[in-house]
Amino acid sequence: MVPILAPTIIALEFNPLWFAMMVVINLQAGFLSPPFATSIFYLRGAAAPELGIAYGHIIKGVYPFIAIVLVVITLCVFFPQIVLWLPGLMIR
């Protein structure tokens, strides 16, 4: 989707760095949230079978992290300076 949306983002005069960071943060939310939570599947596969850890246990443990990622996405949407502050210092 990024190659398709990038020209549109540039034409709408959004900062490409901000757009890239939003894509990365949204990917992180997708890696954590069911039903396509690849990180949950990796974690379940890495857990020792004798521990008896089920997917439900892992999903319950991931909920706070999903909430944190959603708060970060919201903050970055309403305050893009959060994303652009440090790169702005490096460019000077």
Protein backbone atom coordinates (compact mmCIF):
# COMPACT_ATOMS: atom_id res chain seq x y z
CA MET A 1 0.00 0.00 0.00
CA VAL A 2 2.87 2.39 0.67
CA PRO A 3 3.96 2.67 -2.99
CA ILE A 4 0.36 3.34 -3.96
CA LEU A 5 -0.30 5.92 -1.23
CA ALA A 6 3.07 7.71 -1.25
CA PRO A 7 2.36 9.94 -4.27
CA THR A 8 -0.99 10.87 -2.78
CA ILE A 9 0.58 11.72 0.58
CA ILE A 10 3.15 13.94 -1.13
CA ALA A 11 0.46 15.61 -3.28
CA LEU A 12 -1.59 16.35 -0.15
CA GLU A 13 1.56 17.92 1.37
CA PHE A 14 1.83 15.57 4.32
CA ASN A 15 5.31 14.99 5.65
CA PRO A 16 6.61 11.68 4.20
CA LEU A 17 8.53 10.92 7.40
CA TRP A 18 5.37 11.31 9.46
CA PHE A 19 3.52 9.02 7.04
CA ALA A 20 6.26 6.38 7.25
CA MET A 21 6.20 6.45 11.05
CA MET A 22 2.42 6.12 11.07
CA VAL A 23 2.69 3.06 8.81
CA VAL A 24 5.27 1.51 11.14
CA ILE A 25 3.22 2.18 14.28
CA ASN A 26 0.09 0.78 12.65
CA LEU A 27 2.03 -2.33 11.62
CA GLN A 28 3.02 -2.78 15.25
CA ALA A 29 -0.63 -2.63 16.25
CA GLY A 30 -1.39 -5.27 13.63
CA PHE A 31 1.38 -7.54 14.89
CA LEU A 32 -0.11 -7.42 18.40
CA SER A 33 -3.86 -7.55 17.79
CA PRO A 34 -5.86 -10.65 16.91
CA PRO A 35 -6.81 -12.23 14.51
CA PHE A 36 -3.57 -11.66 12.56
CA ALA A 37 -1.30 -11.29 15.57
CA THR A 38 1.90 -12.78 14.23
CA SER A 39 3.82 -11.91 17.39
CA ILE A 40 1.29 -13.87 19.46
CA PHE A 41 1.85 -16.94 17.29
CA TYR A 42 5.63 -16.55 17.61
CA LEU A 43 5.37 -16.22 21.38
CA ARG A 44 3.12 -19.27 21.68
CA GLY A 45 5.56 -21.28 19.59
CA ALA A 46 8.51 -20.20 21.75
CA ALA A 47 6.78 -21.07 25.05
CA ALA A 48 7.69 -24.41 26.53
CA PRO A 49 4.81 -26.91 26.24
CA GLU A 50 5.09 -27.93 29.90
CA LEU A 51 4.10 -24.39 30.94
CA GLY A 52 0.60 -24.94 29.54
CA ILE A 53 0.32 -21.45 28.05
CA ALA A 54 -2.66 -21.08 25.73
CA TYR A 55 -3.37 -18.39 23.16
CA GLY A 56 -5.97 -16.91 25.49
CA HIS A 57 -3.35 -16.27 28.17
CA ILE A 58 -1.11 -14.48 25.71
CA ILE A 59 -3.93 -12.40 24.25
CA LYS A 60 -4.97 -11.25 27.73
CA GLY A 61 -1.36 -10.22 28.37
CA VAL A 62 -1.12 -8.29 25.11
CA TYR A 63 -4.18 -6.07 25.70
CA PRO A 64 -2.28 -3.38 27.69
CA PHE A 65 0.32 -3.14 24.93
CA ILE A 66 -2.37 -2.78 22.27
CA ALA A 67 -3.87 0.06 24.32
CA ILE A 68 -0.47 1.77 24.53
CA VAL A 69 0.06 1.50 20.77
CA LEU A 70 -3.41 2.94 20.11
CA VAL A 71 -2.68 5.88 22.43
CA VAL A 72 0.62 6.49 20.61
CA ILE A 73 -1.15 6.41 17.23
CA THR A 74 -3.71 8.93 18.49
CA LEU A 75 -1.02 11.23 19.86
CA CYS A 76 0.99 11.07 16.64
CA VAL A 77 -2.09 11.89 14.56
CA PHE A 78 -3.05 14.93 16.61
CA PHE A 79 0.51 16.06 17.43
CA PRO A 80 2.78 15.22 14.45
CA GLN A 81 5.58 17.21 16.11
CA ILE A 82 6.14 14.16 18.32
CA VAL A 83 7.36 12.26 15.26
CA LEU A 84 9.12 15.17 13.56
CA TRP A 85 10.91 16.78 16.51
CA LEU A 86 14.10 14.67 16.65
CA PRO A 87 14.63 14.43 12.86
CA GLY A 88 14.14 18.20 12.74
CA LEU A 89 17.01 18.61 15.19
CA MET A 90 19.23 16.32 13.14
CA ILE A 91 18.64 18.20 9.88
CA ARG A 92 19.74 21.59 11.24
